[in-house]
Each structure stands twice: as structure tokens, then as C-alpha cells.
PDB file of N, CA and C in Angstrom:
ATOM      1  N   UNK A   1     168.126-113.216 124.361  1.00  0.00           N
ATOM      2  CA  UNK A   1     167.790-111.973 124.323  1.00  0.00           C
ATOM      3  C   UNK A   1     166.977-111.624 122.995  1.00  0.00           C
ATOM      4  N   UNK A   2     166.082-110.731 122.892  1.00  0.00           N
ATOM      5  CA  UNK A   2     165.470-110.667 121.659  1.00  0.00           C
ATOM      6  C   UNK A   2     166.167-109.225 120.762  1.00  0.00           C
ATOM      7  N   UNK A   3     165.744-109.520 119.406  1.00  0.00           N
ATOM      8  CA  UNK A   3     166.364-108.561 118.629  1.00  0.00           C
ATOM      9  C   UNK A   3     165.431-107.157 118.685  1.00  0.00           C
ATOM     10  N   UNK A   4     165.931-106.155 119.045  1.00  0.00           N
ATOM     11  CA  UNK A   4     165.094-104.971 119.108  1.00  0.00           C
ATOM     12  C   UNK A   4     165.220-103.938 118.189  1.00  0.00           C
ATOM     13  N   UNK A   5     166.109-104.188 117.156  1.00  0.00           N
ATOM     14  CA  UNK A   5     166.471-103.305 116.209  1.00  0.00           C
ATOM     15  C   UNK A   5     165.378-103.056 115.229  1.00  0.00           C
ATOM     16  N   UNK A   6     165.341-101.636 114.781  1.00  0.00           N
ATOM     17  CA  UNK A   6     164.127-101.421 113.812  1.00  0.00           C
ATOM     18  C   UNK A   6     164.503-102.139 112.566  1.00  0.00           C
ATOM     19  N   UNK A   7     163.388-102.733 111.985  1.00  0.00           N
ATOM     20  CA  UNK A   7     163.639-103.195 110.489  1.00  0.00           C
ATOM     21  C   UNK A   7     163.423-101.943 109.506  1.00  0.00           C
ATOM     22  N   UNK A   8     164.343-101.914 108.226  1.00  0.00           N
ATOM     23  CA  UNK A   8     164.264-101.011 107.471  1.00  0.00           C
ATOM     24  C   UNK A   8     162.772-100.984 106.917  1.00  0.00           C
ATOM     25  N   UNK A   9     162.334 -99.864 106.506  1.00  0.00           N
ATOM     26  CA  UNK A   9     161.000 -99.821 105.674  1.00  0.00           C
ATOM     27  C   UNK A   9     161.384-100.140 104.241  1.00  0.00           C
ATOM     28  N   UNK A  10     160.368-100.755 103.569  1.00  0.00           N
ATOM     29  CA  UNK A  10     160.432-101.294 102.162  1.00  0.00           C
ATOM     30  C   UNK A  10     160.619-100.046 101.141  1.00  0.00           C
ATOM     31  N   UNK A  11     161.315-100.275 100.277  1.00  0.00           N
ATOM     32  CA  UNK A  11     161.385 -99.161  99.158  1.00  0.00           C
ATOM     33  C   UNK A  11     160.296 -98.685  98.862  1.00  0.00           C
ATOM     34  N   UNK A  12     160.395 -97.599  98.115  1.00  0.00           N
ATOM     35  CA  UNK A  12     159.041 -96.667  97.683  1.00  0.00           C
ATOM     36  C   UNK A  12     158.276 -97.843  96.562  1.00  0.00           C
ATOM     37  N   UNK A  13     158.974 -98.355  95.919  1.00  0.00           N
ATOM     38  CA  UNK A  13     158.352 -99.087  94.987  1.00  0.00           C
ATOM     39  C   UNK A  13     157.345-100.206  95.664  1.00  0.00           C
ATOM     40  N   UNK A  14     158.086-100.826  96.595  1.00  0.00           N
ATOM     41  CA  UNK A  14     157.182-101.779  97.582  1.00  0.00           C
ATOM     42  C   UNK A  14     155.986-101.000  98.094  1.00  0.00           C
ATOM     43  N   UNK A  15     156.215 -99.951  98.668  1.00  0.00           N
ATOM     44  CA  UNK A  15     155.169 -99.177  99.537  1.00  0.00           C
ATOM     45  C   UNK A  15     154.058 -98.735  98.280  1.00  0.00           C
ATOM     46  N   UNK A  16     154.453 -98.389  97.086  1.00  0.00           N
ATOM     47  CA  UNK A  16     153.233 -98.214  96.105  1.00  0.00           C
ATOM     48  C   UNK A  16     152.546 -99.586  95.701  1.00  0.00           C
ATOM     49  N   UNK A  17     153.022-100.496  95.618  1.00  0.00           N
ATOM     50  CA  UNK A  17     152.579-101.758  95.473  1.00  0.00           C
ATOM     51  C   UNK A  17     151.518-102.091  96.619  1.00  0.00           C
ATOM     52  N   UNK A  18     151.811-101.779  97.901  1.00  0.00           N
ATOM     53  CA  UNK A  18     150.971-102.126  98.853  1.00  0.00           C
ATOM     54  C   UNK A  18     149.767-101.071  98.680  1.00  0.00           C
ATOM     55  N   UNK A  19     150.017 -99.827  98.616  1.00  0.00           N
ATOM     56  CA  UNK A  19     149.090 -99.027  98.351  1.00  0.00           C
ATOM     57  C   UNK A  19     148.181 -99.248  97.049  1.00  0.00           C
ATOM     58  N   UNK A  20     148.564 -99.710  95.938  1.00  0.00           N
ATOM     59  CA  UNK A  20     147.818-100.204  94.947  1.00  0.00           C
ATOM     60  C   UNK A  20     147.054-101.498  95.310  1.00  0.00           C
ATOM     61  N   UNK A  21     147.577-102.188  96.121  1.00  0.00           N
ATOM     62  CA  UNK A  21     146.570-103.517  96.469  1.00  0.00           C
ATOM     63  C   UNK A  21     145.635-102.991  97.542  1.00  0.00           C
ATOM     64  N   UNK A  22     146.122-102.247  98.546  1.00  0.00           N
ATOM     65  CA  UNK A  22     144.821-101.658  99.212  1.00  0.00           C
ATOM     66  C   UNK A  22     143.698-100.871  98.820  1.00  0.00           C
ATOM     67  N   UNK A  23     144.249-100.146  97.603  1.00  0.00           N
ATOM     68  CA  UNK A  23     143.225 -99.558  96.662  1.00  0.00           C
ATOM     69  C   UNK A  23     142.293-100.489  96.234  1.00  0.00           C
ATOM     70  N   UNK A  24     142.737-101.615  95.586  1.00  0.00           N
ATOM     71  CA  UNK A  24     142.125-102.479  94.723  1.00  0.00           C
ATOM     72  C   UNK A  24     141.082-103.041  95.783  1.00  0.00           C
ATOM     73  N   UNK A  25     141.877-103.516  96.886  1.00  0.00           N
ATOM     74  CA  UNK A  25     140.666-104.236  97.979  1.00  0.00           C
ATOM     75  C   UNK A  25     139.723-103.444  98.367  1.00  0.00           C
ATOM     76  N   UNK A  26     139.964-102.108  98.578  1.00  0.00           N
ATOM     77  CA  UNK A  26     138.675-101.199  98.977  1.00  0.00           C
ATOM     78  C   UNK A  26     137.778-101.262  98.057  1.00  0.00           C
ATOM     79  N   UNK A  27     138.124-101.117  96.575  1.00  0.00           N
ATOM     80  CA  UNK A  27     137.215-101.064  95.384  1.00  0.00           C
ATOM     81  C   UNK A  27     136.305-102.061  95.497  1.00  0.00           C
ATOM     82  N   UNK A  28     137.001-103.303  95.471  1.00  0.00           N
ATOM     83  CA  UNK A  28     136.104-104.797  95.632  1.00  0.00           C
ATOM     84  C   UNK A  28     135.214-104.600  96.630  1.00  0.00           C
ATOM     85  N   UNK A  29     135.675-104.277  97.597  1.00  0.00           N
ATOM     86  CA  UNK A  29     134.784-104.303  99.101  1.00  0.00           C
ATOM     87  C   UNK A  29     133.675-103.370  98.697  1.00  0.00           C
ATOM     88  N   UNK A  30     133.959-102.260  98.148  1.00  0.00           N
ATOM     89  CA  UNK A  30     132.901-101.358  97.707  1.00  0.00           C
ATOM     90  C   UNK A  30     132.022-101.926  97.104  1.00  0.00           C
ATOM     91  N   UNK A  31     132.213-102.677  95.820  1.00  0.00           N
ATOM     92  CA  UNK A  31     131.301-103.042  94.998  1.00  0.00           C
ATOM     93  C   UNK A  31     130.585-104.158  95.554  1.00  0.00           C
ATOM     94  N   UNK A  32     131.267-104.976  96.510  1.00  0.00           N
ATOM     95  CA  UNK A  32     130.297-106.016  97.111  1.00  0.00           C
ATOM     96  C   UNK A  32     129.365-105.560  98.138  1.00  0.00           C
ATOM     97  N   UNK A  33     129.785-104.490  98.745  1.00  0.00           N
ATOM     98  CA  UNK A  33     128.773-104.006  99.750  1.00  0.00           C
ATOM     99  C   UNK A  33     127.434-103.008  98.905  1.00  0.00           C
ATOM    100  N   UNK A  34     127.748-102.598  97.920  1.00  0.00           N
ATOM    101  CA  UNK A  34     126.864-102.061  97.118  1.00  0.00           C
ATOM    102  C   UNK A  34     125.944-103.038  96.459  1.00  0.00           C
ATOM    103  N   UNK A  35     126.505-104.111  95.973  1.00  0.00           N
ATOM    104  CA  UNK A  35     125.794-105.256  95.576  1.00  0.00           C
ATOM    105  C   UNK A  35     124.984-105.837  96.583  1.00  0.00           C
ATOM    106  N   UNK A  36     125.265-106.139  97.739  1.00  0.00           N
ATOM    107  CA  UNK A  36     124.482-106.600  98.934  1.00  0.00           C
ATOM    108  C   UNK A  36     123.335-105.634  99.320  1.00  0.00           C
ATOM    109  N   UNK A  37     123.607-104.398  99.469  1.00  0.00           N
ATOM    110  CA  UNK A  37     122.514-103.415  99.636  1.00  0.00           C
ATOM    111  C   UNK A  37     121.433-103.306  98.653  1.00  0.00           C
ATOM    112  N   UNK A  38     121.777-103.327  97.238  1.00  0.00           N
ATOM    113  CA  UNK A  38     120.946-103.229  96.474  1.00  0.00           C
ATOM    114  C   UNK A  38     120.018-104.729  96.424  1.00  0.00           C
ATOM    115  N   UNK A  39     120.737-105.762  96.569  1.00  0.00           N
ATOM    116  CA  UNK A  39     119.875-106.980  96.905  1.00  0.00           C
ATOM    117  C   UNK A  39     118.934-106.876  97.952  1.00  0.00           C
ATOM    118  N   UNK A  40     119.294-106.266  99.095  1.00  0.00           N
ATOM    119  CA  UNK A  40     118.461-106.096 100.435  1.00  0.00           C
ATOM    120  C   UNK A  40     117.382-105.334 100.047  1.00  0.00           C
ATOM    121  N   UNK A  41     117.668-104.121  99.235  1.00  0.00           N
ATOM    122  CA  UNK A  41     116.499-103.419  98.850  1.00  0.00           C
ATOM    123  C   UNK A  41     115.495-104.070  98.060  1.00  0.00           C
ATOM    124  N   UNK A  42     115.905-104.655  97.117  1.00  0.00           N
ATOM    125  CA  UNK A  42     114.977-105.334  96.071  1.00  0.00           C
ATOM    126  C   UNK A  42     114.310-106.612  96.895  1.00  0.00           C
ATOM    127  N   UNK A  43     114.918-107.078  97.849  1.00  0.00           N
ATOM    128  CA  UNK A  43     114.175-108.239  98.552  1.00  0.00           C
ATOM    129  C   UNK A  43     113.021-107.525  99.458  1.00  0.00           C
ATOM    130  N   UNK A  44     113.428-106.357 100.096  1.00  0.00           N
ATOM    131  CA  UNK A  44     112.451-105.568 100.676  1.00  0.00           C
ATOM    132  C   UNK A  44     111.278-105.045  99.895  1.00  0.00           C
ATOM    133  N   UNK A  45     111.339-104.773  98.590  1.00  0.00           N
ATOM    134  CA  UNK A  45     110.357-104.495  97.795  1.00  0.00           C
ATOM    135  C   UNK A  45     109.484-105.472  97.324  1.00  0.00           C
ATOM    136  N   UNK A  46     110.205-106.647  97.206  1.00  0.00           N
ATOM    137  CA  UNK A  46     109.324-107.880  96.970  1.00  0.00           C
ATOM    138  C   UNK A  46     108.382-108.394  97.998  1.00  0.00           C
ATOM    139  N   UNK A  47     109.070-108.268  99.238  1.00  0.00           N
ATOM    140  CA  UNK A  47     108.363-108.763 100.238  1.00  0.00           C
ATOM    141  C   UNK A  47     108.205-107.929 101.519  1.00  0.00           C
ATOM    142  N   UNK A  48     107.462-106.727 101.453  1.00  0.00           N
ATOM    143  CA  UNK A  48     107.347-105.707 102.640  1.00  0.00           C
ATOM    144  C   UNK A  48     107.030-106.269 103.707  1.00  0.00           C
ATOM    145  N   UNK A  49     106.101-107.190 103.774  1.00  0.00           N
ATOM    146  CA  UNK A  49     105.646-107.710 105.217  1.00  0.00           C
ATOM    147  C   UNK A  49     106.786-108.340 105.901  1.00  0.00           C
ATOM    148  N   UNK A  50     107.440-109.116 105.172  1.00  0.00           N
ATOM    149  CA  UNK A  50     108.581-109.890 105.580  1.00  0.00           C
ATOM    150  C   UNK A  50     109.646-109.200 106.265  1.00  0.00           C
ATOM    151  N   UNK A  51     109.885-107.939 105.354  1.00  0.00           N
ATOM    152  CA  UNK A  51     110.941-106.974 105.740  1.00  0.00           C
ATOM    153  C   UNK A  51     110.617-106.408 106.917  1.00  0.00           C
ATOM    154  N   UNK A  52     109.329-106.025 106.899  1.00  0.00           N
ATOM    155  CA  UNK A  52     108.751-105.024 108.226  1.00  0.00           C
ATOM    156  C   UNK A  52     108.970-106.071 109.422  1.00  0.00           C
ATOM    157  N   UNK A  53     108.590-107.341 109.447  1.00  0.00           N
ATOM    158  CA  UNK A  53     108.672-108.195 110.443  1.00  0.00           C
ATOM    159  C   UNK A  53     110.246-108.481 110.905  1.00  0.00           C
ATOM    160  N   UNK A  54     110.919-108.521 109.982  1.00  0.00           N
ATOM    161  CA  UNK A  54     112.383-108.564 110.167  1.00  0.00           C
ATOM    162  C   UNK A  54     113.051-107.597 111.079  1.00  0.00           C
ATOM    163  N   UNK A  55     112.557-106.240 110.623  1.00  0.00           N
ATOM    164  CA  UNK A  55     113.065-105.030 111.249  1.00  0.00           C
ATOM    165  C   UNK A  55     112.439-104.815 112.623  1.00  0.00           C
ATOM    166  N   UNK A  56     111.183-105.273 112.927  1.00  0.00           N
ATOM    167  CA  UNK A  56     110.368-105.278 114.172  1.00  0.00           C
ATOM    168  C   UNK A  56     111.436-106.456 115.158  1.00  0.00           C
ATOM    169  N   UNK A  57     111.613-107.408 114.678  1.00  0.00           N
ATOM    170  CA  UNK A  57     112.452-108.586 115.184  1.00  0.00           C
ATOM    171  C   UNK A  57     113.692-107.894 115.950  1.00  0.00           C
ATOM    172  N   UNK A  58     114.451-107.446 114.890  1.00  0.00           N
ATOM    173  CA  UNK A  58     115.831-106.871 114.975  1.00  0.00           C
ATOM    174  C   UNK A  58     115.721-105.697 116.201  1.00  0.00           C
ATOM    175  N   UNK A  59     114.798-104.938 115.951  1.00  0.00           N
ATOM    176  CA  UNK A  59     114.290-103.758 117.052  1.00  0.00           C
ATOM    177  C   UNK A  59     113.947-104.336 118.448  1.00  0.00           C
ATOM    178  N   UNK A  60     113.320-105.412 118.564  1.00  0.00           N
ATOM    179  CA  UNK A  60     112.981-106.145 119.802  1.00  0.00           C
ATOM    180  C   UNK A  60     114.110-106.772 120.438  1.00  0.00           C
ATOM    181  N   UNK A  61     115.011-107.250 119.528  1.00  0.00           N
ATOM    182  CA  UNK A  61     116.184-108.082 120.150  1.00  0.00           C
ATOM    183  C   UNK A  61     116.995-106.893 120.767  1.00  0.00           C
ATOM    184  N   UNK A  62     117.439-106.023 119.972  1.00  0.00           N
ATOM    185  CA  UNK A  62     118.451-104.633 120.484  1.00  0.00           C
ATOM    186  C   UNK A  62     117.577-104.250 121.716  1.00  0.00           C
ATOM    187  N   UNK A  63     116.454-103.962 121.782  1.00  0.00           N
ATOM    188  CA  UNK A  63     115.752-103.493 123.059  1.00  0.00           C
ATOM    189  C   UNK A  63     115.867-104.397 124.106  1.00  0.00           C
ATOM    190  N   UNK A  64     115.569-105.414 123.882  1.00  0.00           N
ATOM    191  CA  UNK A  64     115.747-106.322 125.023  1.00  0.00           C
ATOM    192  C   UNK A  64     117.159-106.513 125.575  1.00  0.00           C
ATOM    193  N   UNK A  65     118.076-106.426 124.560  1.00  0.00           N
ATOM    194  CA  UNK A  65     119.528-106.536 125.078  1.00  0.00           C
ATOM    195  C   UNK A  65     120.078-105.382 125.887  1.00  0.00           C
ATOM    196  N   UNK A  66     119.615-104.151 125.457  1.00  0.00           N
ATOM    197  CA  UNK A  66     119.826-102.927 126.034  1.00  0.00           C
ATOM    198  C   UNK A  66     119.224-103.074 127.400  1.00  0.00           C
ATOM    199  N   UNK A  67     118.060-103.270 127.550  1.00  0.00           N
ATOM    200  CA  UNK A  67     117.233-103.461 128.831  1.00  0.00           C
ATOM    201  C   UNK A  67     118.029-104.293 129.648  1.00  0.00           C
ATOM    202  N   UNK A  68     118.439-105.573 129.263  1.00  0.00           N
ATOM    203  CA  UNK A  68     119.144-106.436 130.089  1.00  0.00           C
ATOM    204  C   UNK A  68     120.574-105.992 130.682  1.00  0.00           C
ATOM    205  N   UNK A  69     121.202-105.203 129.687  1.00  0.00           N
ATOM    206  CA  UNK A  69     122.234-104.631 130.171  1.00  0.00           C
ATOM    207  C   UNK A  69     121.949-103.372 131.098  1.00  0.00           C
ATOM    208  N   UNK A  70     121.212-102.857 131.210  1.00  0.00           N
ATOM    209  CA  UNK A  70     120.811-101.857 132.022  1.00  0.00           C
ATOM    210  C   UNK A  70     120.357-102.330 133.371  1.00  0.00           C
ATOM    211  N   UNK A  71     119.803-103.547 133.194  1.00  0.00           N
ATOM    212  CA  UNK A  71     119.474-104.132 134.581  1.00  0.00           C
ATOM    213  C   UNK A  71     120.804-104.558 135.268  1.00  0.00           C
ATOM    214  N   UNK A  72     121.589-105.256 134.432  1.00  0.00           N
ATOM    215  CA  UNK A  72     122.892-105.718 135.057  1.00  0.00           C
ATOM    216  C   UNK A  72     123.917-104.685 135.521  1.00  0.00           C
ATOM    217  N   UNK A  73     123.790-103.628 134.938  1.00  0.00           N
ATOM    218  CA  UNK A  73     124.515-102.446 135.367  1.00  0.00           C
ATOM    219  C   UNK A  73     123.883-101.569 136.586  1.00  0.00           C
ATOM    220  N   UNK A  74     122.769-101.834 136.808  1.00  0.00           N
ATOM    221  CA  UNK A  74     121.951-100.936 137.891  1.00  0.00           C
ATOM    222  C   UNK A  74     122.515-101.377 139.178  1.00  0.00           C
ATOM    223  N   UNK A  75     122.747-100.439 139.987  1.00  0.00           N
ATOM    224  CA  UNK A  75     123.087-100.566 141.361  1.00  0.00           C
ATOM    225  C   UNK A  75     121.961-101.275 142.169  1.00  0.00           C
ATOM    226  N   UNK A  76     122.575-102.175 142.844  1.00  0.00           N
ATOM    227  CA  UNK A  76     121.493-103.012 143.831  1.00  0.00           C
ATOM    228  C   UNK A  76     121.013-102.171 144.654  1.00  0.00           C
ATOM    229  N   UNK A  77     119.677-102.180 144.929  1.00  0.00           N
ATOM    230  CA  UNK A  77     119.028-101.197 145.869  1.00  0.00           C
ATOM    231  C   UNK A  77     118.767-101.891 147.050  1.00  0.00           C
ATOM    232  N   UNK A  78     118.726-101.305 148.344  1.00  0.00           N
ATOM    233  CA  UNK A  78     118.649-102.087 149.550  1.00  0.00           C
ATOM    234  C   UNK A  78     117.018-102.478 149.509  1.00  0.00           C
ATOM    235  N   UNK A  79     116.788-103.793 150.278  1.00  0.00           N
ATOM    236  CA  UNK A  79     115.464-104.069 150.232  1.00  0.00           C
ATOM    237  C   UNK A  79     114.727-103.464 151.316  1.00  0.00           C
ATOM    238  N   UNK A  80     114.309-102.174 151.306  1.00  0.00           N
ATOM    239  CA  UNK A  80     113.657-101.366 152.656  1.00  0.00           C
ATOM    240  C   UNK A  80     112.423-101.065 152.522  1.00  0.00           C
ATOM    241  N   UNK A  81     112.036-100.114 153.233  1.00  0.00           N
ATOM    242  CA  UNK A  81     110.349 -99.525 152.915  1.00  0.00           C
ATOM    243  C   UNK A  81     110.229 -98.967 151.719  1.00  0.00           C
ATOM    244  N   UNK A  82     108.999 -98.942 150.962  1.00  0.00           N
ATOM    245  CA  UNK A  82     108.558 -98.474 149.778  1.00  0.00           C
ATOM    246  C   UNK A  82     108.506 -96.860 150.141  1.00  0.00           C
ATOM    247  N   UNK A  83     108.665 -95.766 149.274  1.00  0.00           N
ATOM    248  CA  UNK A  83     108.236 -94.488 149.634  1.00  0.00           C
ATOM    249  C   UNK A  83     106.798 -94.694 149.784  1.00  0.00           C
ATOM    250  N   UNK A  84     106.439 -93.838 150.698  1.00  0.00           N
ATOM    251  CA  UNK A  84     104.836 -93.486 150.929  1.00  0.00           C
ATOM    252  C   UNK A  84     104.222 -94.679 151.899  1.00  0.00           C
ATOM    253  N   UNK A  85     104.981 -95.692 152.437  1.00  0.00           N
ATOM    254  CA  UNK A  85     104.286 -96.716 152.942  1.00  0.00           C
ATOM    255  C   UNK A  85     104.817 -96.512 154.521  1.00  0.00           C
ATOM    256  N   UNK A  86     104.133 -96.852 155.486  1.00  0.00           N
ATOM    257  CA  UNK A  86     104.327 -96.977 156.913  1.00  0.00           C
ATOM    258  C   UNK A  86     104.624 -98.039 157.417  1.00  0.00           C
TER     259      UNK A  86
END
């Protein structure tokens, strides 16, 4: 049989410590994301044609994936006569 009793919450001091650690981790993540974004912008400014080509490739890949998903989810249509033909 498993123990289903609720475990007591940590004291206020421990909860404050968790909050401080979470705040520190969020601040570090924000700094890393900001540095990565700055590096990406700088690289795009140095090589605008390469950046445009990468953007076009990503757009084509997303469009292709969306088209493929649409085709997979589309209802199978019966193979009958086309409209307007006898």
C-alpha cells in the first residue's frame, strides 16, 4: 500500500530560498537570450544575403510541413466523376 499522506510544505525560509534561486535562474536565462539575439542581429547585418536565404529556407520548410499536414488531415474524397464532365 502506498503512502498517500500529504507532505508538509517547507518552511518560509526554504520557500524564500527557492524563489531567490528561481529569480536568479530567470535573470541568467534572460541575459543568455539577449546575448544570442544580439549575436544573431550582428550576424545578419554582416551577411544579409545569407540571412535572407536562411529565412527563405525556414519559410519554405514551414510551408511544406503545413501543406503536408493539411494533406494528411484532408478527408479522402471518392474517386468519382469530376464536376462538369459527363
